[in-house]
Amino acid sequence: MVGVGVVKQNNANQVVSIISSLGVPLLVACDVAKPPSFVRSIAAKFNVKVYSPSRNMSQESKHLMAKEILNHHIRDAYAAALKAYRKYSNRFRHINKKYPEKAEEYKRMVLEGLPVGKYD
């Protein structure tokens, strides 16, 4: 995996710097139903929403999603990102087929909670 690592939570600026060096996030995901303030602050710095599951992800489910990842911090982050991706994947496939020329713009709108394709 590219860009995988562990950073202590007490340095939001360092986390933002690392994320920024990889690109611009459209969503921040976490593995617990009530996102910690640190996660919310990272999302706020990028002005994006936080995806959180309806209930905390179990260690077993995270392990099944990413059994090849030994570091539990990285595994938890990967599992949260994968769960968020799965939530939106069908919608994104539909957008790719129906609106290929505007796919990236419309995916961003979906993540922001805006209506897509109504005005085409």
PDB file of N, CA and C in Angstrom:
ATOM      1  N   MET A   1       0.845  -1.184   0.000  1.00  0.00           N
ATOM      2  CA  MET A   1       0.000   0.000   0.000  1.00  0.00           C
ATOM      3  C   MET A   1       0.881   1.235   0.000  1.00  0.00           C
ATOM      4  N   VAL A   2       0.470   2.203  -0.752  1.00  0.00           N
ATOM      5  CA  VAL A   2       1.198   3.462  -0.813  1.00  0.00           C
ATOM      6  C   VAL A   2       0.701   4.374   0.287  1.00  0.00           C
ATOM      7  N   GLY A   3       1.621   5.045   0.945  1.00  0.00           N
ATOM      8  CA  GLY A   3       1.240   6.050   1.916  1.00  0.00           C
ATOM      9  C   GLY A   3       0.687   5.508   3.218  1.00  0.00           C
ATOM     10  N   VAL A   4       1.018   4.292   3.573  1.00  0.00           N
ATOM     11  CA  VAL A   4       0.501   3.711   4.797  1.00  0.00           C
ATOM     12  C   VAL A   4       1.499   3.948   5.921  1.00  0.00           C
ATOM     13  N   GLY A   5       0.990   4.337   7.067  1.00  0.00           N
ATOM     14  CA  GLY A   5       1.840   4.553   8.221  1.00  0.00           C
ATOM     15  C   GLY A   5       0.979   4.864   9.427  1.00  0.00           C
ATOM     16  N   VAL A   6       1.636   5.060  10.541  1.00  0.00           N
ATOM     17  CA  VAL A   6       0.937   5.363  11.779  1.00  0.00           C
ATOM     18  C   VAL A   6       1.520   6.642  12.345  1.00  0.00           C
ATOM     19  N   VAL A   7       0.644   7.565  12.708  1.00  0.00           N
ATOM     20  CA  VAL A   7       1.045   8.830  13.308  1.00  0.00           C
ATOM     21  C   VAL A   7       0.246   8.984  14.582  1.00  0.00           C
ATOM     22  N   LYS A   8       0.899   9.443  15.642  1.00  0.00           N
ATOM     23  CA  LYS A   8       0.174   9.652  16.895  1.00  0.00           C
ATOM     24  C   LYS A   8      -0.902  10.713  16.698  1.00  0.00           C
ATOM     25  N   GLN A   9      -2.033  10.507  17.352  1.00  0.00           N
ATOM     26  CA  GLN A   9      -3.185  11.383  17.179  1.00  0.00           C
ATOM     27  C   GLN A   9      -2.982  12.788  17.717  1.00  0.00           C
ATOM     28  N   ASN A  10      -1.944  13.032  18.456  1.00  0.00           N
ATOM     29  CA  ASN A  10      -1.817  14.343  19.080  1.00  0.00           C
ATOM     30  C   ASN A  10      -1.280  15.416  18.142  1.00  0.00           C
ATOM     31  N   ASN A  11      -1.062  15.100  16.877  1.00  0.00           N
ATOM     32  CA  ASN A  11      -0.526  16.083  15.963  1.00  0.00           C
ATOM     33  C   ASN A  11      -1.370  16.161  14.691  1.00  0.00           C
ATOM     34  N   ALA A  12      -2.448  16.913  14.763  1.00  0.00           N
ATOM     35  CA  ALA A  12      -3.359  17.037  13.624  1.00  0.00           C
ATOM     36  C   ALA A  12      -2.660  17.651  12.420  1.00  0.00           C
ATOM     37  N   ASN A  13      -1.776  18.617  12.649  1.00  0.00           N
ATOM     38  CA  ASN A  13      -1.081  19.251  11.528  1.00  0.00           C
ATOM     39  C   ASN A  13      -0.213  18.250  10.772  1.00  0.00           C
ATOM     40  N   GLN A  14       0.410  17.328  11.494  1.00  0.00           N
ATOM     41  CA  GLN A  14       1.227  16.306  10.838  1.00  0.00           C
ATOM     42  C   GLN A  14       0.342  15.372  10.002  1.00  0.00           C
ATOM     43  N   VAL A  15      -0.799  15.002  10.537  1.00  0.00           N
ATOM     44  CA  VAL A  15      -1.728  14.138   9.808  1.00  0.00           C
ATOM     45  C   VAL A  15      -2.231  14.852   8.562  1.00  0.00           C
ATOM     46  N   VAL A  16      -2.607  16.111   8.692  1.00  0.00           N
ATOM     47  CA  VAL A  16      -3.081  16.895   7.546  1.00  0.00           C
ATOM     48  C   VAL A  16      -1.977  17.006   6.496  1.00  0.00           C
ATOM     49  N   SER A  17      -0.757  17.206   6.921  1.00  0.00           N
ATOM     50  CA  SER A  17       0.364  17.305   5.992  1.00  0.00           C
ATOM     51  C   SER A  17       0.570  16.005   5.223  1.00  0.00           C
ATOM     52  N   ILE A  18       0.492  14.889   5.917  1.00  0.00           N
ATOM     53  CA  ILE A  18       0.663  13.583   5.265  1.00  0.00           C
ATOM     54  C   ILE A  18      -0.460  13.353   4.259  1.00  0.00           C
ATOM     55  N   ILE A  19      -1.690  13.607   4.670  1.00  0.00           N
ATOM     56  CA  ILE A  19      -2.834  13.414   3.766  1.00  0.00           C
ATOM     57  C   ILE A  19      -2.688  14.322   2.552  1.00  0.00           C
ATOM     58  N   SER A  20      -2.337  15.576   2.773  1.00  0.00           N
ATOM     59  CA  SER A  20      -2.198  16.546   1.682  1.00  0.00           C
ATOM     60  C   SER A  20      -1.118  16.135   0.693  1.00  0.00           C
ATOM     61  N   SER A  21      -0.080  15.485   1.200  1.00  0.00           N
ATOM     62  CA  SER A  21       1.003  15.054   0.301  1.00  0.00           C
ATOM     63  C   SER A  21       0.550  13.931  -0.637  1.00  0.00           C
ATOM     64  N   LEU A  22      -0.527  13.253  -0.271  1.00  0.00           N
ATOM     65  CA  LEU A  22      -1.050  12.149  -1.083  1.00  0.00           C
ATOM     66  C   LEU A  22      -2.175  12.585  -2.012  1.00  0.00           C
ATOM     67  N   GLY A  23      -2.812  13.704  -1.707  1.00  0.00           N
ATOM     68  CA  GLY A  23      -3.924  14.183  -2.518  1.00  0.00           C
ATOM     69  C   GLY A  23      -4.903  14.958  -1.661  1.00  0.00           C
ATOM     70  N   VAL A  24      -6.086  15.152  -2.201  1.00  0.00           N
ATOM     71  CA  VAL A  24      -7.127  15.895  -1.489  1.00  0.00           C
ATOM     72  C   VAL A  24      -8.250  14.920  -1.159  1.00  0.00           C
ATOM     73  N   PRO A  25      -8.533  14.696   0.125  1.00  0.00           N
ATOM     74  CA  PRO A  25      -9.600  13.755   0.480  1.00  0.00           C
ATOM     75  C   PRO A  25     -10.980  14.341   0.203  1.00  0.00           C
ATOM     76  N   LEU A  26     -11.901  13.466  -0.120  1.00  0.00           N
ATOM     77  CA  LEU A  26     -13.295  13.866  -0.299  1.00  0.00           C
ATOM     78  C   LEU A  26     -14.144  13.410   0.875  1.00  0.00           C
ATOM     79  N   LEU A  27     -13.562  12.569   1.734  1.00  0.00           N
ATOM     80  CA  LEU A  27     -14.275  12.002   2.867  1.00  0.00           C
ATOM     81  C   LEU A  27     -13.234  11.494   3.856  1.00  0.00           C
ATOM     82  N   VAL A  28     -13.543  11.566   5.132  1.00  0.00           N
ATOM     83  CA  VAL A  28     -12.708  10.966   6.172  1.00  0.00           C
ATOM     84  C   VAL A  28     -13.547   9.882   6.823  1.00  0.00           C
ATOM     85  N   ALA A  29     -12.999   8.691   6.932  1.00  0.00           N
ATOM     86  CA  ALA A  29     -13.749   7.559   7.486  1.00  0.00           C
ATOM     87  C   ALA A  29     -13.183   7.141   8.831  1.00  0.00           C
ATOM     88  N   CYS A  30     -14.069   6.650   9.688  1.00  0.00           N
ATOM     89  CA  CYS A  30     -13.616   6.080  10.957  1.00  0.00           C
ATOM     90  C   CYS A  30     -14.377   4.780  11.207  1.00  0.00           C
ATOM     91  N   ASP A  31     -13.926   4.021  12.173  1.00  0.00           N
ATOM     92  CA  ASP A  31     -14.487   2.693  12.418  1.00  0.00           C
ATOM     93  C   ASP A  31     -15.456   2.638  13.594  1.00  0.00           C
ATOM     94  N   VAL A  32     -15.788   3.789  14.151  1.00  0.00           N
ATOM     95  CA  VAL A  32     -16.698   3.826  15.295  1.00  0.00           C
ATOM     96  C   VAL A  32     -17.908   4.712  14.978  1.00  0.00           C
ATOM     97  N   ALA A  33     -19.017   4.409  15.601  1.00  0.00           N
ATOM     98  CA  ALA A  33     -20.270   5.109  15.320  1.00  0.00           C
ATOM     99  C   ALA A  33     -20.202   6.592  15.695  1.00  0.00           C
ATOM    100  N   LYS A  34     -19.529   6.894  16.784  1.00  0.00           N
ATOM    101  CA  LYS A  34     -19.384   8.289  17.199  1.00  0.00           C
ATOM    102  C   LYS A  34     -17.936   8.706  16.915  1.00  0.00           C
ATOM    103  N   PRO A  35     -17.721   9.439  15.817  1.00  0.00           N
ATOM    104  CA  PRO A  35     -16.352   9.807  15.450  1.00  0.00           C
ATOM    105  C   PRO A  35     -15.671  10.615  16.552  1.00  0.00           C
ATOM    106  N   PRO A  36     -14.425  10.267  16.857  1.00  0.00           N
ATOM    107  CA  PRO A  36     -13.679  11.034  17.856  1.00  0.00           C
ATOM    108  C   PRO A  36     -13.452  12.476  17.389  1.00  0.00           C
ATOM    109  N   SER A  37     -13.231  13.373  18.313  1.00  0.00           N
ATOM    110  CA  SER A  37     -13.018  14.780  17.959  1.00  0.00           C
ATOM    111  C   SER A  37     -11.809  14.938  17.057  1.00  0.00           C
ATOM    112  N   PHE A  38     -10.792  14.104  17.217  1.00  0.00           N
ATOM    113  CA  PHE A  38      -9.609  14.191  16.359  1.00  0.00           C
ATOM    114  C   PHE A  38      -9.989  13.929  14.900  1.00  0.00           C
ATOM    115  N   VAL A  39     -10.809  12.917  14.666  1.00  0.00           N
ATOM    116  CA  VAL A  39     -11.257  12.591  13.305  1.00  0.00           C
ATOM    117  C   VAL A  39     -12.095  13.737  12.756  1.00  0.00           C
ATOM    118  N   ARG A  40     -12.995  14.264  13.557  1.00  0.00           N
ATOM    119  CA  ARG A  40     -13.825  15.384  13.113  1.00  0.00           C
ATOM    120  C   ARG A  40     -12.965  16.608  12.782  1.00  0.00           C
ATOM    121  N   SER A  41     -11.903  16.822  13.568  1.00  0.00           N
ATOM    122  CA  SER A  41     -11.043  17.985  13.311  1.00  0.00           C
ATOM    123  C   SER A  41     -10.259  17.823  12.008  1.00  0.00           C
ATOM    124  N   ILE A  42      -9.827  16.613  11.697  1.00  0.00           N
ATOM    125  CA  ILE A  42      -9.122  16.365  10.430  1.00  0.00           C
ATOM    126  C   ILE A  42     -10.080  16.621   9.271  1.00  0.00           C
ATOM    127  N   ALA A  43     -11.295  16.107   9.364  1.00  0.00           N
ATOM    128  CA  ALA A  43     -12.289  16.324   8.311  1.00  0.00           C
ATOM    129  C   ALA A  43     -12.578  17.821   8.159  1.00  0.00           C
ATOM    130  N   ALA A  44     -12.675  18.524   9.261  1.00  0.00           N
ATOM    131  CA  ALA A  44     -12.958  19.958   9.219  1.00  0.00           C
ATOM    132  C   ALA A  44     -11.838  20.722   8.526  1.00  0.00           C
ATOM    133  N   LYS A  45     -10.619  20.312   8.721  1.00  0.00           N
ATOM    134  CA  LYS A  45      -9.486  20.997   8.080  1.00  0.00           C
ATOM    135  C   LYS A  45      -9.553  20.875   6.557  1.00  0.00           C
ATOM    136  N   PHE A  46     -10.165  19.804   6.065  1.00  0.00           N
ATOM    137  CA  PHE A  46     -10.328  19.615   4.622  1.00  0.00           C
ATOM    138  C   PHE A  46     -11.729  20.004   4.149  1.00  0.00           C
ATOM    139  N   ASN A  47     -12.572  20.417   5.082  1.00  0.00           N
ATOM    140  CA  ASN A  47     -13.953  20.782   4.787  1.00  0.00           C
ATOM    141  C   ASN A  47     -14.706  19.636   4.095  1.00  0.00           C
ATOM    142  N   VAL A  48     -14.567  18.430   4.666  1.00  0.00           N
ATOM    143  CA  VAL A  48     -15.257  17.251   4.142  1.00  0.00           C
ATOM    144  C   VAL A  48     -16.041  16.588   5.271  1.00  0.00           C
ATOM    145  N   LYS A  49     -16.939  15.705   4.888  1.00  0.00           N
ATOM    146  CA  LYS A  49     -17.741  14.973   5.864  1.00  0.00           C
ATOM    147  C   LYS A  49     -16.963  13.792   6.424  1.00  0.00           C
ATOM    148  N   VAL A  50     -17.465  13.290   7.542  1.00  0.00           N
ATOM    149  CA  VAL A  50     -16.917  12.079   8.159  1.00  0.00           C
ATOM    150  C   VAL A  50     -17.895  10.944   7.912  1.00  0.00           C
ATOM    151  N   TYR A  51     -17.381   9.822   7.406  1.00  0.00           N
ATOM    152  CA  TYR A  51     -18.194   8.612   7.329  1.00  0.00           C
ATOM    153  C   TYR A  51     -17.949   7.838   8.616  1.00  0.00           C
ATOM    154  N   SER A  52     -19.027   7.450   9.266  1.00  0.00           N
ATOM    155  CA  SER A  52     -18.911   6.561  10.424  1.00  0.00           C
ATOM    156  C   SER A  52     -20.007   5.509  10.298  1.00  0.00           C
ATOM    157  N   PRO A  53     -19.710   4.297  10.698  1.00  0.00           N
ATOM    158  CA  PRO A  53     -20.712   3.232  10.598  1.00  0.00           C
ATOM    159  C   PRO A  53     -21.838   3.463  11.597  1.00  0.00           C
ATOM    160  N   SER A  54     -22.964   2.809  11.366  1.00  0.00           N
ATOM    161  CA  SER A  54     -24.103   2.981  12.269  1.00  0.00           C
ATOM    162  C   SER A  54     -23.813   2.401  13.657  1.00  0.00           C
ATOM    163  N   ARG A  55     -22.928   1.423  13.707  1.00  0.00           N
ATOM    164  CA  ARG A  55     -22.451   0.913  15.012  1.00  0.00           C
ATOM    165  C   ARG A  55     -20.962   0.600  14.875  1.00  0.00           C
ATOM    166  N   ASN A  56     -20.275   0.584  15.986  1.00  0.00           N
ATOM    167  CA  ASN A  56     -18.834   0.356  15.968  1.00  0.00           C
ATOM    168  C   ASN A  56     -18.497  -0.942  15.236  1.00  0.00           C
ATOM    169  N   MET A  57     -17.464  -0.888  14.422  1.00  0.00           N
ATOM    170  CA  MET A  57     -17.027  -2.096  13.723  1.00  0.00           C
ATOM    171  C   MET A  57     -16.326  -3.013  14.729  1.00  0.00           C
ATOM    172  N   SER A  58     -16.621  -4.286  14.666  1.00  0.00           N
ATOM    173  CA  SER A  58     -15.986  -5.232  15.577  1.00  0.00           C
ATOM    174  C   SER A  58     -14.566  -5.537  15.113  1.00  0.00           C
ATOM    175  N   GLN A  59     -13.731  -5.938  16.066  1.00  0.00           N
ATOM    176  CA  GLN A  59     -12.369  -6.336  15.708  1.00  0.00           C
ATOM    177  C   GLN A  59     -12.392  -7.500  14.717  1.00  0.00           C
ATOM    178  N   GLU A  60     -13.346  -8.394  14.902  1.00  0.00           N
ATOM    179  CA  GLU A  60     -13.455  -9.550  14.005  1.00  0.00           C
ATOM    180  C   GLU A  60     -13.762  -9.107  12.575  1.00  0.00           C
ATOM    181  N   SER A  61     -14.710  -8.187  12.420  1.00  0.00           N
ATOM    182  CA  SER A  61     -15.055  -7.737  11.065  1.00  0.00           C
ATOM    183  C   SER A  61     -13.882  -6.999  10.421  1.00  0.00           C
ATOM    184  N   LYS A  62     -13.170  -6.197  11.202  1.00  0.00           N
ATOM    185  CA  LYS A  62     -12.013  -5.478  10.654  1.00  0.00           C
ATOM    186  C   LYS A  62     -10.918  -6.458  10.262  1.00  0.00           C
ATOM    187  N   HIS A  63     -10.742  -7.480  11.059  1.00  0.00           N
ATOM    188  CA  HIS A  63      -9.728  -8.492  10.744  1.00  0.00           C
ATOM    189  C   HIS A  63     -10.100  -9.242   9.457  1.00  0.00           C
ATOM    190  N   LEU A  64     -11.373  -9.577   9.298  1.00  0.00           N
ATOM    191  CA  LEU A  64     -11.811 -10.269   8.085  1.00  0.00           C
ATOM    192  C   LEU A  64     -11.633  -9.399   6.840  1.00  0.00           C
ATOM    193  N   MET A  65     -11.822  -8.104   6.983  1.00  0.00           N
ATOM    194  CA  MET A  65     -11.688  -7.187   5.851  1.00  0.00           C
ATOM    195  C   MET A  65     -10.228  -6.963   5.460  1.00  0.00           C
ATOM    196  N   ALA A  66      -9.326  -7.122   6.424  1.00  0.00           N
ATOM    197  CA  ALA A  66      -7.926  -6.766   6.176  1.00  0.00           C
ATOM    198  C   ALA A  66      -6.979  -7.679   6.948  1.00  0.00           C
ATOM    199  N   LYS A  67      -7.185  -8.983   6.814  1.00  0.00           N
ATOM    200  CA  LYS A  67      -6.387  -9.926   7.607  1.00  0.00           C
ATOM    201  C   LYS A  67      -4.902  -9.892   7.287  1.00  0.00           C
ATOM    202  N   GLU A  68      -4.550  -9.400   6.076  1.00  0.00           N
ATOM    203  CA  GLU A  68      -3.143  -9.346   5.700  1.00  0.00           C
ATOM    204  C   GLU A  68      -2.394  -8.185   6.348  1.00  0.00           C
ATOM    205  N   ILE A  69      -3.123  -7.265   6.980  1.00  0.00           N
ATOM    206  CA  ILE A  69      -2.499  -6.108   7.619  1.00  0.00           C
ATOM    207  C   ILE A  69      -2.290  -6.419   9.098  1.00  0.00           C
ATOM    208  N   LEU A  70      -1.049  -6.445   9.510  1.00  0.00           N
ATOM    209  CA  LEU A  70      -0.727  -6.844  10.879  1.00  0.00           C
ATOM    210  C   LEU A  70      -0.875  -5.704  11.889  1.00  0.00           C
ATOM    211  N   ASN A  71      -0.533  -4.496  11.523  1.00  0.00           N
ATOM    212  CA  ASN A  71      -0.634  -3.370  12.441  1.00  0.00           C
ATOM    213  C   ASN A  71      -2.111  -3.032  12.645  1.00  0.00           C
ATOM    214  N   HIS A  72      -2.577  -3.096  13.868  1.00  0.00           N
ATOM    215  CA  HIS A  72      -4.012  -2.912  14.111  1.00  0.00           C
ATOM    216  C   HIS A  72      -4.494  -1.493  13.818  1.00  0.00           C
ATOM    217  N   HIS A  73      -3.651  -0.469  13.967  1.00  0.00           N
ATOM    218  CA  HIS A  73      -4.059   0.901  13.635  1.00  0.00           C
ATOM    219  C   HIS A  73      -4.307   1.037  12.134  1.00  0.00           C
ATOM    220  N   ILE A  74      -3.394   0.497  11.354  1.00  0.00           N
ATOM    221  CA  ILE A  74      -3.530   0.558   9.897  1.00  0.00           C
ATOM    222  C   ILE A  74      -4.711  -0.298   9.450  1.00  0.00           C
ATOM    223  N   ARG A  75      -4.862  -1.479  10.056  1.00  0.00           N
ATOM    224  CA  ARG A  75      -5.991  -2.354   9.711  1.00  0.00           C
ATOM    225  C   ARG A  75      -7.326  -1.665   9.999  1.00  0.00           C
ATOM    226  N   ASP A  76      -7.432  -1.012  11.144  1.00  0.00           N
ATOM    227  CA  ASP A  76      -8.674  -0.325  11.497  1.00  0.00           C
ATOM    228  C   ASP A  76      -8.982   0.803  10.513  1.00  0.00           C
ATOM    229  N   ALA A  77      -7.970   1.577  10.147  1.00  0.00           N
ATOM    230  CA  ALA A  77      -8.161   2.667   9.194  1.00  0.00           C
ATOM    231  C   ALA A  77      -8.551   2.121   7.819  1.00  0.00           C
ATOM    232  N   TYR A  78      -7.883   1.072   7.401  1.00  0.00           N
ATOM    233  CA  TYR A  78      -8.193   0.459   6.099  1.00  0.00           C
ATOM    234  C   TYR A  78      -9.627  -0.074   6.092  1.00  0.00           C
ATOM    235  N   ALA A  79     -10.016  -0.756   7.150  1.00  0.00           N
ATOM    236  CA  ALA A  79     -11.368  -1.320   7.231  1.00  0.00           C
ATOM    237  C   ALA A  79     -12.417  -0.210   7.207  1.00  0.00           C
ATOM    238  N   ALA A  80     -12.152   0.887   7.892  1.00  0.00           N
ATOM    239  CA  ALA A  80     -13.091   2.015   7.877  1.00  0.00           C
ATOM    240  C   ALA A  80     -13.214   2.591   6.469  1.00  0.00           C
ATOM    241  N   ALA A  81     -12.087   2.751   5.793  1.00  0.00           N
ATOM    242  CA  ALA A  81     -12.105   3.279   4.423  1.00  0.00           C
ATOM    243  C   ALA A  81     -12.841   2.319   3.486  1.00  0.00           C
ATOM    244  N   LEU A  82     -12.608   1.034   3.647  1.00  0.00           N
ATOM    245  CA  LEU A  82     -13.264   0.040   2.803  1.00  0.00           C
ATOM    246  C   LEU A  82     -14.772   0.024   3.049  1.00  0.00           C
ATOM    247  N   LYS A  83     -15.183   0.129   4.291  1.00  0.00           N
ATOM    248  CA  LYS A  83     -16.616   0.155   4.606  1.00  0.00           C
ATOM    249  C   LYS A  83     -17.273   1.393   3.993  1.00  0.00           C
ATOM    250  N   ALA A  84     -16.602   2.533   4.076  1.00  0.00           N
ATOM    251  CA  ALA A  84     -17.126   3.750   3.462  1.00  0.00           C
ATOM    252  C   ALA A  84     -17.215   3.576   1.945  1.00  0.00           C
ATOM    253  N   TYR A  85     -16.187   3.019   1.348  1.00  0.00           N
ATOM    254  CA  TYR A  85     -16.192   2.793  -0.101  1.00  0.00           C
ATOM    255  C   TYR A  85     -17.360   1.879  -0.496  1.00  0.00           C
ATOM    256  N   ARG A  86     -17.556   0.817   0.258  1.00  0.00           N
ATOM    257  CA  ARG A  86     -18.643  -0.118  -0.055  1.00  0.00           C
ATOM    258  C   ARG A  86     -20.007   0.560   0.035  1.00  0.00           C
ATOM    259  N   LYS A  87     -20.147   1.495   0.960  1.00  0.00           N
ATOM    260  CA  LYS A  87     -21.415   2.218   1.091  1.00  0.00           C
ATOM    261  C   LYS A  87     -21.745   2.975  -0.200  1.00  0.00           C
ATOM    262  N   TYR A  88     -20.740   3.531  -0.841  1.00  0.00           N
ATOM    263  CA  TYR A  88     -20.960   4.369  -2.012  1.00  0.00           C
ATOM    264  C   TYR A  88     -20.677   3.675  -3.348  1.00  0.00           C
ATOM    265  N   SER A  89     -20.134   2.487  -3.353  1.00  0.00           N
ATOM    266  CA  SER A  89     -19.639   1.873  -4.587  1.00  0.00           C
ATOM    267  C   SER A  89     -20.722   1.657  -5.651  1.00  0.00           C
ATOM    268  N   ASN A  90     -21.902   1.204  -5.262  1.00  0.00           N
ATOM    269  CA  ASN A  90     -22.966   1.013  -6.259  1.00  0.00           C
ATOM    270  C   ASN A  90     -23.365   2.337  -6.891  1.00  0.00           C
ATOM    271  N   ARG A  91     -23.491   3.338  -6.072  1.00  0.00           N
ATOM    272  CA  ARG A  91     -23.848   4.674  -6.578  1.00  0.00           C
ATOM    273  C   ARG A  91     -22.767   5.185  -7.519  1.00  0.00           C
ATOM    274  N   PHE A  92     -21.498   4.969  -7.165  1.00  0.00           N
ATOM    275  CA  PHE A  92     -20.394   5.424  -8.010  1.00  0.00           C
ATOM    276  C   PHE A  92     -20.374   4.683  -9.346  1.00  0.00           C
ATOM    277  N   ARG A  93     -20.661   3.383  -9.335  1.00  0.00           N
ATOM    278  CA  ARG A  93     -20.720   2.620 -10.593  1.00  0.00           C
ATOM    279  C   ARG A  93     -21.839   3.156 -11.486  1.00  0.00           C
ATOM    280  N   HIS A  94     -22.964   3.444 -10.891  1.00  0.00           N
ATOM    281  CA  HIS A  94     -24.095   4.010 -11.639  1.00  0.00           C
ATOM    282  C   HIS A  94     -23.698   5.357 -12.262  1.00  0.00           C
ATOM    283  N   ILE A  95     -23.047   6.190 -11.495  1.00  0.00           N
ATOM    284  CA  ILE A  95     -22.603   7.491 -11.998  1.00  0.00           C
ATOM    285  C   ILE A  95     -21.615   7.299 -13.145  1.00  0.00           C
ATOM    286  N   ASN A  96     -20.675   6.371 -12.999  1.00  0.00           N
ATOM    287  CA  ASN A  96     -19.696   6.112 -14.064  1.00  0.00           C
ATOM    288  C   ASN A  96     -20.381   5.742 -15.374  1.00  0.00           C
ATOM    289  N   LYS A  97     -21.451   4.946 -15.288  1.00  0.00           N
ATOM    290  CA  LYS A  97     -22.158   4.511 -16.493  1.00  0.00           C
ATOM    291  C   LYS A  97     -23.039   5.605 -17.074  1.00  0.00           C
ATOM    292  N   LYS A  98     -23.778   6.281 -16.214  1.00  0.00           N
ATOM    293  CA  LYS A  98     -24.769   7.243 -16.691  1.00  0.00           C
ATOM    294  C   LYS A  98     -24.176   8.613 -17.035  1.00  0.00           C
ATOM    295  N   TYR A  99     -23.157   9.017 -16.290  1.00  0.00           N
ATOM    296  CA  TYR A  99     -22.577  10.353 -16.466  1.00  0.00           C
ATOM    297  C   TYR A  99     -21.043  10.278 -16.560  1.00  0.00           C
ATOM    298  N   PRO A 100     -20.501   9.545 -17.516  1.00  0.00           N
ATOM    299  CA  PRO A 100     -19.045   9.365 -17.545  1.00  0.00           C
ATOM    300  C   PRO A 100     -18.259  10.676 -17.629  1.00  0.00           C
ATOM    301  N   GLU A 101     -18.811  11.666 -18.328  1.00  0.00           N
ATOM    302  CA  GLU A 101     -18.093  12.932 -18.499  1.00  0.00           C
ATOM    303  C   GLU A 101     -18.103  13.787 -17.231  1.00  0.00           C
ATOM    304  N   LYS A 102     -19.028  13.509 -16.328  1.00  0.00           N
ATOM    305  CA  LYS A 102     -19.121  14.282 -15.083  1.00  0.00           C
ATOM    306  C   LYS A 102     -18.955  13.401 -13.848  1.00  0.00           C
ATOM    307  N   ALA A 103     -18.398  12.216 -14.034  1.00  0.00           N
ATOM    308  CA  ALA A 103     -18.349  11.230 -12.952  1.00  0.00           C
ATOM    309  C   ALA A 103     -17.664  11.751 -11.696  1.00  0.00           C
ATOM    310  N   GLU A 104     -16.499  12.343 -11.847  1.00  0.00           N
ATOM    311  CA  GLU A 104     -15.764  12.796 -10.657  1.00  0.00           C
ATOM    312  C   GLU A 104     -16.511  13.907  -9.927  1.00  0.00           C
ATOM    313  N   GLU A 105     -17.060  14.829 -10.687  1.00  0.00           N
ATOM    314  CA  GLU A 105     -17.837  15.924 -10.093  1.00  0.00           C
ATOM    315  C   GLU A 105     -19.057  15.376  -9.347  1.00  0.00           C
ATOM    316  N   TYR A 106     -19.757  14.423  -9.956  1.00  0.00           N
ATOM    317  CA  TYR A 106     -20.955  13.867  -9.348  1.00  0.00           C
ATOM    318  C   TYR A 106     -20.629  12.996  -8.133  1.00  0.00           C
ATOM    319  N   LYS A 107     -19.533  12.291  -8.167  1.00  0.00           N
ATOM    320  CA  LYS A 107     -19.130  11.497  -6.994  1.00  0.00           C
ATOM    321  C   LYS A 107     -18.854  12.431  -5.815  1.00  0.00           C
ATOM    322  N   ARG A 108     -18.191  13.535  -6.095  1.00  0.00           N
ATOM    323  CA  ARG A 108     -17.923  14.514  -5.032  1.00  0.00           C
ATOM    324  C   ARG A 108     -19.243  15.032  -4.465  1.00  0.00           C
ATOM    325  N   MET A 109     -20.209  15.285  -5.347  1.00  0.00           N
ATOM    326  CA  MET A 109     -21.511  15.768  -4.893  1.00  0.00           C
ATOM    327  C   MET A 109     -22.209  14.737  -4.006  1.00  0.00           C
ATOM    328  N   VAL A 110     -22.129  13.464  -4.370  1.00  0.00           N
ATOM    329  CA  VAL A 110     -22.725  12.397  -3.559  1.00  0.00           C
ATOM    330  C   VAL A 110     -22.119  12.420  -2.156  1.00  0.00           C
ATOM    331  N   LEU A 111     -20.802  12.525  -2.078  1.00  0.00           N
ATOM    332  CA  LEU A 111     -20.132  12.527  -0.779  1.00  0.00           C
ATOM    333  C   LEU A 111     -20.484  13.763   0.047  1.00  0.00           C
ATOM    334  N   GLU A 112     -20.836  14.841  -0.654  1.00  0.00           N
ATOM    335  CA  GLU A 112     -21.239  16.063   0.047  1.00  0.00           C
ATOM    336  C   GLU A 112     -22.724  16.058   0.408  1.00  0.00           C
ATOM    337  N   GLY A 113     -23.446  15.018  -0.062  1.00  0.00           N
ATOM    338  CA  GLY A 113     -24.868  14.913   0.242  1.00  0.00           C
ATOM    339  C   GLY A 113     -25.762  15.730  -0.681  1.00  0.00           C
ATOM    340  N   LEU A 114     -25.232  16.124  -1.836  1.00  0.00           N
ATOM    341  CA  LEU A 114     -25.994  16.927  -2.791  1.00  0.00           C
ATOM    342  C   LEU A 114     -26.679  16.051  -3.829  1.00  0.00           C
ATOM    343  N   PRO A 115     -27.789  16.512  -4.410  1.00  0.00           N
ATOM    344  CA  PRO A 115     -28.460  15.748  -5.459  1.00  0.00           C
ATOM    345  C   PRO A 115     -27.601  15.712  -6.723  1.00  0.00           C
ATOM    346  N   VAL A 116     -27.655  14.604  -7.431  1.00  0.00           N
ATOM    347  CA  VAL A 116     -26.819  14.401  -8.603  1.00  0.00           C
ATOM    348  C   VAL A 116     -27.671  14.209  -9.838  1.00  0.00           C
ATOM    349  N   GLY A 117     -27.287  14.874 -10.934  1.00  0.00           N
ATOM    350  CA  GLY A 117     -27.913  14.646 -12.222  1.00  0.00           C
ATOM    351  C   GLY A 117     -29.306  15.205 -12.401  1.00  0.00           C
ATOM    352  N   LYS A 118     -29.825  15.936 -11.429  1.00  0.00           N
ATOM    353  CA  LYS A 118     -31.184  16.460 -11.523  1.00  0.00           C
ATOM    354  C   LYS A 118     -31.313  17.516 -12.611  1.00  0.00           C
ATOM    355  N   TYR A 119     -30.244  18.188 -12.902  1.00  0.00           N
ATOM    356  CA  TYR A 119     -30.320  19.344 -13.798  1.00  0.00           C
ATOM    357  C   TYR A 119     -29.755  19.062 -15.172  1.00  0.00           C
ATOM    358  N   ASP A 120     -29.492  17.813 -15.505  1.00  0.00           N
ATOM    359  CA  ASP A 120     -28.965  17.449 -16.832  1.00  0.00           C
ATOM    360  C   ASP A 120     -30.079  17.321 -17.842  1.00  0.00           C
TER     361      ASP A 120
END
